[in-house]
Amino acid sequence: MQYNREFLKNSVIECIKDIGFVNAAWEVGAVAFDRVDQYSDVDLMIDCEDDRIEDLFSVIENNLKKIDSIEFLYRMPYPPSADYQQKFYKLKNFSKFCTLDLAILRNSASDKLLEKEIHNNITVFFDKKGITNVKPLDKEEFIEKIDKTVTDLEKRVQMFHQIVEKEFYRNNPMEAAYGYYSLILNPLITMIRLYFNPFHYNFRQRYLHYELDKATAGKLENLFFIKDMEDLREKYSVALKWFGHLIENYNKEKIYAIIGVKK
């Protein structure tokens, strides 16, 4: 038996493709960006009738148990009313990296997470109702979200950056480091991403080394690793100035041009 990601993926698709209440299945993640390697997991999205999500989880889990034992299972704590439910599976004889990330969406869900501009070239295994035939991203609406995000980030950093500084004075390195990462680096990353791939402006640390140029990635990477409190103070100052520079020189026209909207 081949305990690899292709075998795992195909076994799930085979067991669900003929089920009447299952409408479509597609793969996202690394495969959509042509970045599959030996560490890639399997990211499957499945559309089914609204009241059959739990039934579908049971079908898939029973099938997984036929090919291997489920060593570990984690369910995201979404409310029952959410548009989709998500579980992660680790199987005993597969690589620890070859997990199954399974999201089952309600057919009535308004957002299927399919826009090519954001999710790239998904792989559709079957589609009985044209679920995956989505309209292009509403770019006007998208840039409105970006503009609101930039305005919000500017206000938040201006309001809360001193939280990091007061932990310096208190000599609380753990609290200072937490504030630095959450209140300074995360907003900085969002601003940086806008100039490289604004469609992924809210992806935080995901795909950074793929999407930034080497110089920017290297400068940003240096800010992540802290030796001691003195080093944290210095990097906090660098990150804060960098963020301020990006805000002060925010080039809407350039961002809009990358997205493909003329303003």
Protein backbone atom coordinates (compact mmCIF):
# COMPACT_ATOMS: atom_id res chain seq x y z
CA MET A 1 0.00 0.00 0.00
CA GLN A 2 1.28 3.47 -0.91
CA TYR A 3 0.97 5.64 2.18
CA ASN A 4 1.38 8.98 0.41
CA ARG A 5 -0.68 12.14 -0.15
CA GLU A 6 -1.98 11.07 -3.58
CA PHE A 7 -3.28 7.80 -2.19
CA LEU A 8 -4.90 9.59 0.76
CA LYS A 9 -6.53 12.21 -1.45
CA ASN A 10 -7.78 9.72 -4.03
CA SER A 11 -9.24 7.42 -1.40
CA VAL A 12 -11.37 10.25 -0.01
CA ILE A 13 -12.57 11.37 -3.45
CA GLU A 14 -13.46 7.83 -4.49
CA CYS A 15 -15.59 7.26 -1.41
CA ILE A 16 -17.66 10.45 -1.79
CA LYS A 17 -18.01 11.14 -5.53
CA ASP A 18 -21.17 9.06 -5.99
CA ILE A 19 -22.93 10.18 -2.81
CA GLY A 20 -26.15 12.02 -3.69
CA PHE A 21 -25.91 14.78 -1.09
CA VAL A 22 -22.30 15.64 -2.04
CA ASN A 23 -22.15 18.32 -4.73
CA ALA A 24 -18.49 19.11 -5.41
CA ALA A 25 -14.95 18.51 -4.19
CA TRP A 26 -11.75 20.41 -4.87
CA GLU A 27 -8.21 20.76 -3.56
CA VAL A 28 -6.59 24.00 -2.41
CA GLY A 29 -3.33 24.92 -0.69
CA ALA A 30 0.09 23.92 -1.99
CA VAL A 31 -1.24 22.19 -5.10
CA ALA A 32 -3.04 25.36 -6.20
CA PHE A 33 0.26 27.26 -6.17
CA ASP A 34 2.31 24.41 -7.65
CA ARG A 35 4.33 24.07 -4.44
CA VAL A 36 3.71 20.47 -3.46
CA ASP A 37 6.69 18.81 -1.80
CA GLN A 38 7.33 15.98 0.68
CA TYR A 39 6.00 18.16 3.51
CA SER A 40 2.67 19.09 1.92
CA ASP A 41 -0.61 18.02 3.48
CA VAL A 42 -3.91 17.39 1.68
CA ASP A 43 -6.30 20.37 1.69
CA LEU A 44 -9.75 19.24 0.56
CA MET A 45 -12.90 21.31 0.27
CA ILE A 46 -16.26 19.57 -0.16
CA ASP A 47 -19.68 21.08 -0.80
CA CYS A 48 -22.68 19.10 0.48
CA GLU A 49 -26.30 19.65 1.41
CA ASP A 50 -26.64 21.81 4.50
CA ASP A 51 -27.97 19.20 6.90
CA ARG A 52 -25.58 16.40 5.87
CA ILE A 53 -22.19 17.69 7.03
CA GLU A 54 -21.99 15.34 10.00
CA ASP A 55 -23.12 12.41 7.87
CA LEU A 56 -20.34 13.16 5.41
CA PHE A 57 -17.71 13.35 8.14
CA SER A 58 -18.85 9.89 9.30
CA VAL A 59 -18.60 8.45 5.78
CA ILE A 60 -15.11 9.82 5.26
CA GLU A 61 -13.88 8.74 8.70
CA ASN A 62 -15.16 5.21 8.16
CA ASN A 63 -13.29 5.12 4.88
CA LEU A 64 -10.09 6.41 6.48
CA LYS A 65 -10.28 3.63 9.05
CA LYS A 66 -10.34 1.09 6.21
CA ILE A 67 -7.02 2.29 4.82
CA ASP A 68 -5.30 3.10 8.11
CA SER A 69 -5.98 3.94 11.74
CA ILE A 70 -6.74 7.51 12.73
CA GLU A 71 -3.96 8.38 15.14
CA PHE A 72 -5.17 11.88 15.93
CA LEU A 73 -8.16 14.05 15.02
CA TYR A 74 -8.72 17.73 15.70
CA ARG A 75 -11.93 19.61 14.99
CA MET A 76 -11.94 23.38 14.64
CA PRO A 77 -14.31 24.87 17.27
CA TYR A 78 -16.70 26.54 14.84
CA PRO A 79 -20.34 27.06 15.90
CA PRO A 80 -22.90 24.65 14.38
CA SER A 81 -24.32 27.52 12.31
CA ALA A 82 -21.00 28.24 10.55
CA ASP A 83 -20.82 28.04 6.77
CA TYR A 84 -18.36 25.18 7.01
CA GLN A 85 -16.89 22.72 9.48
CA GLN A 86 -13.26 21.65 9.46
CA LYS A 87 -11.35 18.65 10.79
CA PHE A 88 -7.71 17.60 10.63
CA TYR A 89 -6.65 13.95 10.53
CA LYS A 90 -3.30 12.31 11.24
CA LEU A 91 -3.11 8.68 10.09
CA LYS A 92 -0.79 6.18 11.70
CA ASN A 93 1.24 4.94 8.72
CA PHE A 94 1.44 8.18 6.76
CA SER A 95 4.15 10.78 7.14
CA LYS A 96 3.45 13.10 10.06
CA PHE A 97 3.35 15.90 7.49
CA CYS A 98 0.77 14.13 5.33
CA THR A 99 -2.28 15.17 7.29
CA LEU A 100 -5.77 15.56 5.86
CA ASP A 101 -7.20 19.07 6.22
CA LEU A 102 -10.88 18.56 5.47
CA ALA A 103 -13.38 21.42 5.18
CA ILE A 104 -17.02 20.59 4.44
CA LEU A 105 -19.12 23.55 3.31
CA ARG A 106 -22.85 24.04 3.42
CA ASN A 107 -24.31 24.28 -0.05
CA SER A 108 -25.95 27.54 1.05
CA ALA A 109 -22.63 29.11 2.06
CA SER A 110 -22.19 32.44 0.28
CA ASP A 111 -18.38 32.27 0.20
CA LYS A 112 -16.87 29.05 -1.12
CA LEU A 113 -13.28 30.40 -0.95
CA LEU A 114 -12.82 29.88 -4.68
CA GLU A 115 -11.67 33.21 -6.13
CA LYS A 116 -8.71 32.52 -8.39
CA GLU A 117 -7.11 35.86 -7.58
CA ILE A 118 -6.76 34.74 -3.96
CA HIS A 119 -6.72 30.93 -4.04
CA ASN A 120 -5.08 30.44 -7.44
CA ASN A 121 -5.59 27.28 -9.53
CA ILE A 122 -7.66 24.91 -7.44
CA THR A 123 -8.01 21.30 -8.60
CA VAL A 124 -11.65 20.31 -9.09
CA PHE A 125 -12.30 16.57 -8.76
CA PHE A 126 -16.01 16.68 -9.52
CA ASP A 127 -18.74 19.29 -9.59
CA LYS A 128 -22.35 18.23 -10.07
CA LYS A 129 -23.96 21.66 -9.75
CA GLY A 130 -21.45 24.18 -11.05
CA ILE A 131 -20.39 25.08 -7.52
CA THR A 132 -16.85 25.93 -8.59
CA ASN A 133 -17.93 28.20 -11.47
CA VAL A 134 -17.57 31.39 -9.48
CA LYS A 135 -17.54 34.97 -10.68
CA PRO A 136 -14.25 36.87 -10.67
CA LEU A 137 -13.36 38.68 -7.47
CA ASP A 138 -15.23 41.96 -6.94
CA LYS A 139 -12.11 44.12 -7.06
CA GLU A 140 -13.86 47.34 -6.10
CA GLU A 141 -15.18 45.72 -2.95
CA PHE A 142 -11.79 44.15 -2.30
CA ILE A 143 -9.88 47.44 -2.40
CA GLU A 144 -12.45 48.96 -0.05
CA LYS A 145 -11.53 46.23 2.44
CA ILE A 146 -7.85 46.99 1.94
CA ASP A 147 -8.34 50.73 2.48
CA LYS A 148 -10.33 50.09 5.66
CA THR A 149 -7.65 47.68 6.87
CA VAL A 150 -4.85 50.20 6.31
CA THR A 151 -6.79 52.91 8.15
CA ASP A 152 -7.51 50.54 11.02
CA LEU A 153 -3.90 49.36 11.27
CA GLU A 154 -2.60 52.92 11.40
CA LYS A 155 -4.95 53.73 14.28
CA ARG A 156 -4.24 50.51 16.16
CA VAL A 157 -0.47 50.81 15.99
CA GLN A 158 -0.64 54.46 16.97
CA MET A 159 -2.89 53.61 19.91
CA PHE A 160 -1.25 50.44 21.21
CA HIS A 161 2.47 50.49 20.35
CA GLN A 162 3.25 51.91 23.79
CA ILE A 163 2.02 48.65 25.31
CA VAL A 164 5.30 47.15 24.17
CA GLU A 165 7.32 50.06 25.52
CA LYS A 166 5.82 49.91 29.00
CA GLU A 167 6.85 46.25 29.25
CA PHE A 168 10.39 47.37 28.46
CA TYR A 169 10.29 49.73 31.45
CA ARG A 170 8.78 47.01 33.61
CA ASN A 171 11.51 44.61 32.47
CA ASN A 172 8.94 42.05 31.35
CA PRO A 173 10.55 40.43 28.28
CA MET A 174 7.82 37.86 27.61
CA GLU A 175 5.04 40.44 27.68
CA ALA A 176 7.13 42.82 25.56
CA ALA A 177 7.84 40.11 22.98
CA TYR A 178 4.18 39.14 22.77
CA GLY A 179 3.15 42.74 22.18
CA TYR A 180 5.92 43.22 19.62
CA TYR A 181 4.80 40.25 17.53
CA SER A 182 1.07 40.87 17.75
CA LEU A 183 0.87 44.67 17.76
CA ILE A 184 3.84 45.65 15.57
CA LEU A 185 5.06 42.80 13.36
CA ASN A 186 1.64 41.58 12.22
CA PRO A 187 0.52 45.05 11.02
CA LEU A 188 3.94 45.54 9.40
CA ILE A 189 3.59 42.26 7.50
CA THR A 190 0.16 43.31 6.21
CA MET A 191 1.54 46.60 4.90
CA ILE A 192 4.52 44.89 3.26
CA ARG A 193 2.35 42.27 1.58
CA LEU A 194 0.24 44.94 -0.09
CA TYR A 195 3.14 45.85 -2.37
CA PHE A 196 3.96 42.28 -3.39
CA ASN A 197 0.61 40.49 -3.53
CA PRO A 198 -2.31 42.56 -2.22
CA PHE A 199 -4.64 39.62 -2.83
CA HIS A 200 -2.89 37.98 0.13
CA TYR A 201 -2.70 41.07 2.32
CA ASN A 202 -4.39 39.24 5.22
CA PHE A 203 -2.41 35.99 4.96
CA ARG A 204 -0.09 37.00 7.82
CA GLN A 205 3.06 34.82 7.71
CA ARG A 206 1.84 32.36 5.08
CA TYR A 207 3.84 32.22 1.81
CA LEU A 208 6.11 35.12 2.77
CA HIS A 209 9.29 33.61 1.35
CA TYR A 210 7.48 32.84 -1.90
CA GLU A 211 5.95 36.27 -2.38
CA LEU A 212 8.48 38.80 -1.08
CA ASP A 213 11.74 39.61 -2.78
CA LYS A 214 14.91 38.34 -1.07
CA ALA A 215 15.97 41.69 0.33
CA THR A 216 12.58 42.40 1.93
CA ALA A 217 12.20 38.83 3.18
CA GLY A 218 15.67 38.97 4.72
CA LYS A 219 15.03 42.29 6.44
CA LEU A 220 11.70 41.05 7.79
CA GLU A 221 13.11 37.69 8.85
CA ASN A 222 15.75 39.44 10.93
CA LEU A 223 12.99 41.13 12.93
CA PHE A 224 11.48 37.78 13.92
CA PHE A 225 14.44 36.42 15.86
CA ILE A 226 15.22 38.05 19.19
CA LYS A 227 18.32 37.42 21.33
CA ASP A 228 17.49 39.42 24.44
CA MET A 229 15.68 42.49 25.73
CA GLU A 230 18.19 44.90 24.19
CA ASP A 231 17.80 43.21 20.82
CA LEU A 232 14.02 43.39 21.18
CA ARG A 233 14.18 47.12 21.87
CA GLU A 234 16.24 47.70 18.73
CA LYS A 235 14.05 45.54 16.51
CA TYR A 236 10.89 47.08 17.90
CA SER A 237 12.23 50.49 16.90
CA VAL A 238 13.16 49.30 13.40
CA ALA A 239 9.78 47.62 12.85
CA LEU A 240 7.85 50.62 14.12
CA LYS A 241 9.76 53.02 11.85
CA TRP A 242 9.29 50.69 8.88
CA PHE A 243 5.56 50.52 9.51
CA GLY A 244 5.38 54.30 9.87
CA HIS A 245 7.23 54.77 6.59
CA LEU A 246 4.86 52.44 4.75
CA ILE A 247 1.83 54.23 6.18
CA GLU A 248 3.20 57.68 5.41
CA ASN A 249 4.04 56.69 1.84
CA TYR A 250 1.06 54.44 1.23
CA ASN A 251 0.67 54.36 -2.55
CA LYS A 252 -2.96 53.54 -3.29
CA GLU A 253 -2.47 53.89 -7.03
CA LYS A 254 0.27 51.28 -7.04
CA ILE A 255 -1.83 48.84 -5.03
CA TYR A 256 -4.84 49.41 -7.25
CA ALA A 257 -2.71 48.85 -10.34
CA ILE A 258 -1.48 45.50 -9.03
CA ILE A 259 -5.08 44.48 -8.31
CA GLY A 260 -6.18 45.71 -11.72
CA VAL A 261 -8.40 48.65 -10.79
CA LYS A 262 -8.03 52.20 -12.07
CA LYS A 263 -8.83 54.99 -9.63
